[in-house]
Amino acid sequence: MMPGPARQEWDTGTMTHADPTSLDILDLYRQAGAYHEGHFLLASGRHSPKFLQSTTVLQYPQYTEQIGRALAGALRGAGIDAQLVIGPAMGGVVLAYETARHYGTRAIFAEKDGQGGMKIREAFTLQPGETFVAVEDVLTTGGSVLKAVRAAEAAGGRCVGIACIVDRRADGGDLQGYPLVALTRLVFDTYPPDAVPAWLAALPLQEI
């Protein structure tokens, strides 16, 4: 038996959401063929019966434009003013660019440094104290976007916020105090490798 629809939650506090009536993110992912059900091994090492494939969405300019506009509007609505948008490569490159286009700033990206972290490409420069927001498509643990934040801070920038399309952290996670703007929060059940339920383990495993 397959699990039911994702639980969609809207909450307040340190997290700011865009108007939920303005852009139905889950419907957008479905339209793009980017919402999948099955048995998935996520990059975090956890198992999930549902998966959102953002690269499928971001290949379409019409969807990317809507998302970038919504993220920029949500950042402004949250009172977050930055001079730069940064995204972790590769998934955050297009998203950072499109968000920056509507936000009125430039965009750069952080790439893997070969040692488990990220670095800013030499062609990009940040002025001392230059403010930036970091963007991510789907926030599961926050690990990737925080690596991008650390890379930009090491290059002299100052992070004033994080923005994502979907926040799917079940427990809220730790973003080290940075304010978060999310277009939606979709809580999908995930399981550690030693606690995968039998009904999920019976399905073919797809590694993401």
C-alpha atoms as a PDB file:
ATOM      1  CA  MET A   1       0.000   0.000   0.000  1.00  0.00           C
ATOM      2  CA  MET A   2       1.409   3.356  -1.045  1.00  0.00           C
ATOM      3  CA  PRO A   3       1.393   6.232   1.467  1.00  0.00           C
ATOM      4  CA  GLY A   4      -1.140   9.017   1.181  1.00  0.00           C
ATOM      5  CA  PRO A   5      -0.563  12.564  -0.005  1.00  0.00           C
ATOM      6  CA  ALA A   6       2.193  14.639   1.540  1.00  0.00           C
ATOM      7  CA  ARG A   7       1.267  16.613   4.605  1.00  0.00           C
ATOM      8  CA  GLN A   8       1.445  20.296   3.749  1.00  0.00           C
ATOM      9  CA  GLU A   9       2.068  22.551   6.731  1.00  0.00           C
ATOM     10  CA  TRP A  10       2.173  26.317   7.128  1.00  0.00           C
ATOM     11  CA  ASP A  11       3.713  27.717  10.246  1.00  0.00           C
ATOM     12  CA  THR A  12       5.208  30.881  11.661  1.00  0.00           C
ATOM     13  CA  GLY A  13       8.122  31.840  13.870  1.00  0.00           C
ATOM     14  CA  THR A  14      11.592  32.061  12.368  1.00  0.00           C
ATOM     15  CA  MET A  15      10.280  30.817   9.029  1.00  0.00           C
ATOM     16  CA  THR A  16       8.492  33.032   6.544  1.00  0.00           C
ATOM     17  CA  HIS A  17       6.291  31.627   3.795  1.00  0.00           C
ATOM     18  CA  ALA A  18       5.074  33.147   0.579  1.00  0.00           C
ATOM     19  CA  ASP A  19       1.329  33.506   0.150  1.00  0.00           C
ATOM     20  CA  PRO A  20       0.183  29.870  -0.236  1.00  0.00           C
ATOM     21  CA  THR A  21      -2.542  30.932  -2.692  1.00  0.00           C
ATOM     22  CA  SER A  22      -0.097  32.624  -5.062  1.00  0.00           C
ATOM     23  CA  LEU A  23       1.881  29.591  -6.228  1.00  0.00           C
ATOM     24  CA  ASP A  24       0.954  25.955  -5.597  1.00  0.00           C
ATOM     25  CA  ILE A  25       4.406  24.383  -5.449  1.00  0.00           C
ATOM     26  CA  LEU A  26       3.303  20.753  -5.188  1.00  0.00           C
ATOM     27  CA  ASP A  27       0.958  21.216  -8.153  1.00  0.00           C
ATOM     28  CA  LEU A  28       3.770  22.867 -10.113  1.00  0.00           C
ATOM     29  CA  TYR A  29       6.062  19.894  -9.436  1.00  0.00           C
ATOM     30  CA  ARG A  30       3.305  17.523 -10.520  1.00  0.00           C
ATOM     31  CA  GLN A  31       2.731  19.464 -13.734  1.00  0.00           C
ATOM     32  CA  ALA A  32       6.439  19.211 -14.527  1.00  0.00           C
ATOM     33  CA  GLY A  33       6.528  15.472 -13.773  1.00  0.00           C
ATOM     34  CA  ALA A  34       8.856  16.143 -10.854  1.00  0.00           C
ATOM     35  CA  TYR A  35       6.840  14.604  -8.010  1.00  0.00           C
ATOM     36  CA  HIS A  36       7.614  10.900  -7.577  1.00  0.00           C
ATOM     37  CA  GLU A  37       6.397   8.103  -5.322  1.00  0.00           C
ATOM     38  CA  GLY A  38       8.332   4.899  -4.706  1.00  0.00           C
ATOM     39  CA  HIS A  39      11.377   4.027  -2.575  1.00  0.00           C
ATOM     40  CA  PHE A  40      14.167   6.585  -2.649  1.00  0.00           C
ATOM     41  CA  LEU A  41      17.554   6.787  -0.951  1.00  0.00           C
ATOM     42  CA  LEU A  42      18.123  10.494  -0.396  1.00  0.00           C
ATOM     43  CA  ALA A  43      21.483  12.251  -0.412  1.00  0.00           C
ATOM     44  CA  SER A  44      21.144  12.535   3.373  1.00  0.00           C
ATOM     45  CA  GLY A  45      21.221   8.723   3.639  1.00  0.00           C
ATOM     46  CA  ARG A  46      17.593   8.498   4.719  1.00  0.00           C
ATOM     47  CA  HIS A  47      14.878   6.580   2.877  1.00  0.00           C
ATOM     48  CA  SER A  48      11.661   8.203   1.672  1.00  0.00           C
ATOM     49  CA  PRO A  49       8.495   7.116  -0.180  1.00  0.00           C
ATOM     50  CA  LYS A  50       8.316  10.470  -1.968  1.00  0.00           C
ATOM     51  CA  PHE A  51      10.823  12.570  -3.884  1.00  0.00           C
ATOM     52  CA  LEU A  52      10.803  16.006  -5.504  1.00  0.00           C
ATOM     53  CA  GLN A  53      13.113  16.279  -8.529  1.00  0.00           C
ATOM     54  CA  SER A  54      13.757  20.006  -8.819  1.00  0.00           C
ATOM     55  CA  THR A  55      16.017  19.718 -11.860  1.00  0.00           C
ATOM     56  CA  THR A  56      12.994  18.491 -13.800  1.00  0.00           C
ATOM     57  CA  VAL A  57      11.128  21.671 -12.856  1.00  0.00           C
ATOM     58  CA  LEU A  58      14.022  24.067 -13.399  1.00  0.00           C
ATOM     59  CA  GLN A  59      14.597  22.933 -16.987  1.00  0.00           C
ATOM     60  CA  TYR A  60      11.415  24.837 -17.897  1.00  0.00           C
ATOM     61  CA  PRO A  61      11.874  28.630 -18.047  1.00  0.00           C
ATOM     62  CA  GLN A  62       8.195  29.293 -17.325  1.00  0.00           C
ATOM     63  CA  TYR A  63       8.352  27.374 -14.031  1.00  0.00           C
ATOM     64  CA  THR A  64      11.750  28.757 -13.066  1.00  0.00           C
ATOM     65  CA  GLU A  65      10.551  32.308 -13.696  1.00  0.00           C
ATOM     66  CA  GLN A  66       7.533  31.788 -11.427  1.00  0.00           C
ATOM     67  CA  ILE A  67       9.675  30.313  -8.660  1.00  0.00           C
ATOM     68  CA  GLY A  68      12.365  32.994  -8.880  1.00  0.00           C
ATOM     69  CA  ARG A  69       9.757  35.739  -8.783  1.00  0.00           C
ATOM     70  CA  ALA A  70       8.045  34.128  -5.786  1.00  0.00           C
ATOM     71  CA  LEU A  71      11.316  33.710  -3.856  1.00  0.00           C
ATOM     72  CA  ALA A  72      12.352  37.310  -4.495  1.00  0.00           C
ATOM     73  CA  GLY A  73       8.921  38.512  -3.403  1.00  0.00           C
ATOM     74  CA  ALA A  74       9.017  36.368  -0.273  1.00  0.00           C
ATOM     75  CA  LEU A  75      12.453  37.724   0.662  1.00  0.00           C
ATOM     76  CA  ARG A  76      11.236  41.297   0.261  1.00  0.00           C
ATOM     77  CA  GLY A  77       8.092  40.471   2.216  1.00  0.00           C
ATOM     78  CA  ALA A  78      10.238  39.148   5.055  1.00  0.00           C
ATOM     79  CA  GLY A  79      12.230  42.386   5.101  1.00  0.00           C
ATOM     80  CA  ILE A  80      15.423  40.661   3.949  1.00  0.00           C
ATOM     81  CA  ASP A  81      17.565  43.025   1.884  1.00  0.00           C
ATOM     82  CA  ALA A  82      20.758  41.626   0.363  1.00  0.00           C
ATOM     83  CA  GLN A  83      23.301  42.638  -2.245  1.00  0.00           C
ATOM     84  CA  LEU A  84      23.881  39.169  -3.649  1.00  0.00           C
ATOM     85  CA  VAL A  85      22.229  35.770  -4.149  1.00  0.00           C
ATOM     86  CA  ILE A  86      24.301  32.587  -3.918  1.00  0.00           C
ATOM     87  CA  GLY A  87      23.371  28.975  -4.617  1.00  0.00           C
ATOM     88  CA  PRO A  88      25.193  25.661  -4.175  1.00  0.00           C
ATOM     89  CA  ALA A  89      26.192  24.010  -7.462  1.00  0.00           C
ATOM     90  CA  MET A  90      24.768  22.447  -9.346  1.00  0.00           C
ATOM     91  CA  GLY A  91      21.096  22.589  -8.388  1.00  0.00           C
ATOM     92  CA  GLY A  92      21.270  26.091  -6.969  1.00  0.00           C
ATOM     93  CA  VAL A  93      22.907  27.765  -9.974  1.00  0.00           C
ATOM     94  CA  VAL A  94      19.798  28.385 -12.085  1.00  0.00           C
ATOM     95  CA  LEU A  95      17.699  29.064  -8.995  1.00  0.00           C
ATOM     96  CA  ALA A  96      20.138  31.684  -7.687  1.00  0.00           C
ATOM     97  CA  TYR A  97      20.264  33.408 -11.071  1.00  0.00           C
ATOM     98  CA  GLU A  98      16.489  33.571 -11.520  1.00  0.00           C
ATOM     99  CA  THR A  99      15.910  34.712  -7.934  1.00  0.00           C
ATOM    100  CA  ALA A 100      18.559  37.418  -8.320  1.00  0.00           C
ATOM    101  CA  ARG A 101      16.976  38.572 -11.591  1.00  0.00           C
ATOM    102  CA  HIS A 102      13.742  39.386  -9.780  1.00  0.00           C
ATOM    103  CA  TYR A 103      15.505  40.487  -6.580  1.00  0.00           C
ATOM    104  CA  GLY A 104      17.618  43.038  -8.453  1.00  0.00           C
ATOM    105  CA  THR A 105      21.059  41.702  -7.504  1.00  0.00           C
ATOM    106  CA  ARG A 106      23.834  39.659  -9.045  1.00  0.00           C
ATOM    107  CA  ALA A 107      24.108  35.902  -8.553  1.00  0.00           C
ATOM    108  CA  ILE A 108      27.051  33.584  -7.921  1.00  0.00           C
ATOM    109  CA  PHE A 109      27.433  29.959  -6.910  1.00  0.00           C
ATOM    110  CA  ALA A 110      29.551  27.811  -4.622  1.00  0.00           C
ATOM    111  CA  GLU A 111      31.073  24.559  -5.856  1.00  0.00           C
ATOM    112  CA  LYS A 112      32.531  21.498  -4.143  1.00  0.00           C
ATOM    113  CA  ASP A 113      36.084  21.949  -2.908  1.00  0.00           C
ATOM    114  CA  GLY A 114      37.014  18.254  -3.013  1.00  0.00           C
ATOM    115  CA  GLN A 115      37.336  18.087   0.776  1.00  0.00           C
ATOM    116  CA  GLY A 116      33.691  17.790   1.766  1.00  0.00           C
ATOM    117  CA  GLY A 117      33.004  21.512   1.761  1.00  0.00           C
ATOM    118  CA  MET A 118      32.388  24.218  -0.809  1.00  0.00           C
ATOM    119  CA  LYS A 119      34.304  27.145  -2.209  1.00  0.00           C
ATOM    120  CA  ILE A 120      33.583  30.264  -4.210  1.00  0.00           C
ATOM    121  CA  ARG A 121      34.912  30.092  -7.762  1.00  0.00           C
ATOM    122  CA  GLU A 122      37.888  32.431  -8.263  1.00  0.00           C
ATOM    123  CA  ALA A 123      36.038  34.430 -10.928  1.00  0.00           C
ATOM    124  CA  PHE A 124      33.573  35.567  -8.258  1.00  0.00           C
ATOM    125  CA  THR A 125      34.451  38.146  -5.623  1.00  0.00           C
ATOM    126  CA  LEU A 126      32.652  39.378  -2.525  1.00  0.00           C
ATOM    127  CA  GLN A 127      33.381  42.701  -0.912  1.00  0.00           C
ATOM    128  CA  PRO A 128      34.085  42.629   2.841  1.00  0.00           C
ATOM    129  CA  GLY A 129      30.720  42.606   4.605  1.00  0.00           C
ATOM    130  CA  GLU A 130      28.727  42.264   1.373  1.00  0.00           C
ATOM    131  CA  THR A 131      25.318  40.896   2.328  1.00  0.00           C
ATOM    132  CA  PHE A 132      23.913  37.816   0.643  1.00  0.00           C
ATOM    133  CA  VAL A 133      21.081  35.319   0.739  1.00  0.00           C
ATOM    134  CA  ALA A 134      21.637  31.655  -0.056  1.00  0.00           C
ATOM    135  CA  VAL A 135      19.016  29.756  -2.043  1.00  0.00           C
ATOM    136  CA  GLU A 136      18.293  26.045  -2.285  1.00  0.00           C
ATOM    137  CA  ASP A 137      15.603  24.069  -4.061  1.00  0.00           C
ATOM    138  CA  VAL A 138      14.557  21.473  -1.474  1.00  0.00           C
ATOM    139  CA  LEU A 139      15.811  21.815   2.086  1.00  0.00           C
ATOM    140  CA  THR A 140      16.127  18.342   3.659  1.00  0.00           C
ATOM    141  CA  THR A 141      18.880  18.778   6.252  1.00  0.00           C
ATOM    142  CA  GLY A 142      20.250  22.180   5.269  1.00  0.00           C
ATOM    143  CA  GLY A 143      23.735  20.749   4.850  1.00  0.00           C
ATOM    144  CA  SER A 144      24.374  21.846   1.258  1.00  0.00           C
ATOM    145  CA  VAL A 145      23.110  25.387   1.626  1.00  0.00           C
ATOM    146  CA  LEU A 146      25.050  25.874   4.872  1.00  0.00           C
ATOM    147  CA  LYS A 147      28.239  24.788   3.086  1.00  0.00           C
ATOM    148  CA  ALA A 148      27.548  27.475   0.491  1.00  0.00           C
ATOM    149  CA  VAL A 149      26.951  29.997   3.273  1.00  0.00           C
ATOM    150  CA  ARG A 150      30.257  29.124   4.948  1.00  0.00           C
ATOM    151  CA  ALA A 151      32.096  29.426   1.627  1.00  0.00           C
ATOM    152  CA  ALA A 152      30.650  32.882   0.962  1.00  0.00           C
ATOM    153  CA  GLU A 153      31.370  34.023   4.514  1.00  0.00           C
ATOM    154  CA  ALA A 154      34.953  32.790   4.187  1.00  0.00           C
ATOM    155  CA  ALA A 155      35.194  34.952   1.061  1.00  0.00           C
ATOM    156  CA  GLY A 156      34.141  38.018   3.057  1.00  0.00           C
ATOM    157  CA  GLY A 157      30.359  38.050   2.717  1.00  0.00           C
ATOM    158  CA  ARG A 158      27.694  38.239   5.424  1.00  0.00           C
ATOM    159  CA  CYS A 159      24.648  35.972   5.250  1.00  0.00           C
ATOM    160  CA  VAL A 160      21.332  37.681   6.039  1.00  0.00           C
ATOM    161  CA  GLY A 161      19.011  34.813   5.141  1.00  0.00           C
ATOM    162  CA  ILE A 162      18.313  31.506   3.437  1.00  0.00           C
ATOM    163  CA  ALA A 163      15.515  30.885   0.929  1.00  0.00           C
ATOM    164  CA  CYS A 164      14.174  27.655  -0.530  1.00  0.00           C
ATOM    165  CA  ILE A 165      11.361  26.374  -2.694  1.00  0.00           C
ATOM    166  CA  VAL A 166      10.415  23.537  -0.341  1.00  0.00           C
ATOM    167  CA  ASP A 167      11.313  23.036   3.303  1.00  0.00           C
ATOM    168  CA  ARG A 168      10.871  19.333   3.984  1.00  0.00           C
ATOM    169  CA  ARG A 169      12.712  19.123   7.306  1.00  0.00           C
ATOM    170  CA  ALA A 170      10.504  17.112   9.643  1.00  0.00           C
ATOM    171  CA  ASP A 171      11.966  18.588  12.836  1.00  0.00           C
ATOM    172  CA  GLY A 172      12.774  22.108  11.677  1.00  0.00           C
ATOM    173  CA  GLY A 173      16.511  21.337  11.663  1.00  0.00           C
ATOM    174  CA  ASP A 174      19.276  23.720  12.621  1.00  0.00           C
ATOM    175  CA  LEU A 175      20.101  26.547  10.240  1.00  0.00           C
ATOM    176  CA  GLN A 176      22.464  28.156  12.753  1.00  0.00           C
ATOM    177  CA  GLY A 177      20.118  31.056  13.409  1.00  0.00           C
ATOM    178  CA  TYR A 178      19.811  32.288   9.825  1.00  0.00           C
ATOM    179  CA  PRO A 179      16.268  33.413   8.966  1.00  0.00           C
ATOM    180  CA  LEU A 180      14.533  31.116   6.482  1.00  0.00           C
ATOM    181  CA  VAL A 181      12.091  32.005   3.727  1.00  0.00           C
ATOM    182  CA  ALA A 182      10.286  29.028   2.169  1.00  0.00           C
ATOM    183  CA  LEU A 183       7.622  28.965  -0.524  1.00  0.00           C
ATOM    184  CA  THR A 184       6.068  25.928   1.109  1.00  0.00           C
ATOM    185  CA  ARG A 185       6.685  23.273   3.735  1.00  0.00           C
ATOM    186  CA  LEU A 186       6.012  19.677   2.748  1.00  0.00           C
ATOM    187  CA  VAL A 187       6.769  17.114   5.422  1.00  0.00           C
ATOM    188  CA  PHE A 188       7.452  13.705   3.898  1.00  0.00           C
ATOM    189  CA  ASP A 189       8.160  10.733   6.135  1.00  0.00           C
ATOM    190  CA  THR A 190      11.807   9.657   5.986  1.00  0.00           C
ATOM    191  CA  TYR A 191      13.536   6.741   7.684  1.00  0.00           C
ATOM    192  CA  PRO A 192      17.110   5.866   8.687  1.00  0.00           C
ATOM    193  CA  PRO A 193      18.539   2.774   6.942  1.00  0.00           C
ATOM    194  CA  ASP A 194      17.956   0.563   9.980  1.00  0.00           C
ATOM    195  CA  ALA A 195      14.294   1.560  10.387  1.00  0.00           C
ATOM    196  CA  VAL A 196      12.837   1.300   6.880  1.00  0.00           C
ATOM    197  CA  PRO A 197       9.288  -0.123   7.162  1.00  0.00           C
ATOM    198  CA  ALA A 198       8.565  -3.419   5.417  1.00  0.00           C
ATOM    199  CA  TRP A 199       6.096  -1.921   2.932  1.00  0.00           C
ATOM    200  CA  LEU A 200       8.757   0.548   1.762  1.00  0.00           C
ATOM    201  CA  ALA A 201      11.613  -1.984   1.758  1.00  0.00           C
ATOM    202  CA  ALA A 202       9.520  -4.167  -0.570  1.00  0.00           C
ATOM    203  CA  LEU A 203       9.699  -1.495  -3.294  1.00  0.00           C
ATOM    204  CA  PRO A 204      12.687  -1.205  -5.674  1.00  0.00           C
ATOM    205  CA  LEU A 205      15.263   1.200  -4.236  1.00  0.00           C
ATOM    206  CA  GLN A 206      16.203   4.220  -6.321  1.00  0.00           C
ATOM    207  CA  GLU A 207      19.295   6.143  -5.242  1.00  0.00           C
ATOM    208  CA  ILE A 208      19.037   9.893  -5.672  1.00  0.00           C
END
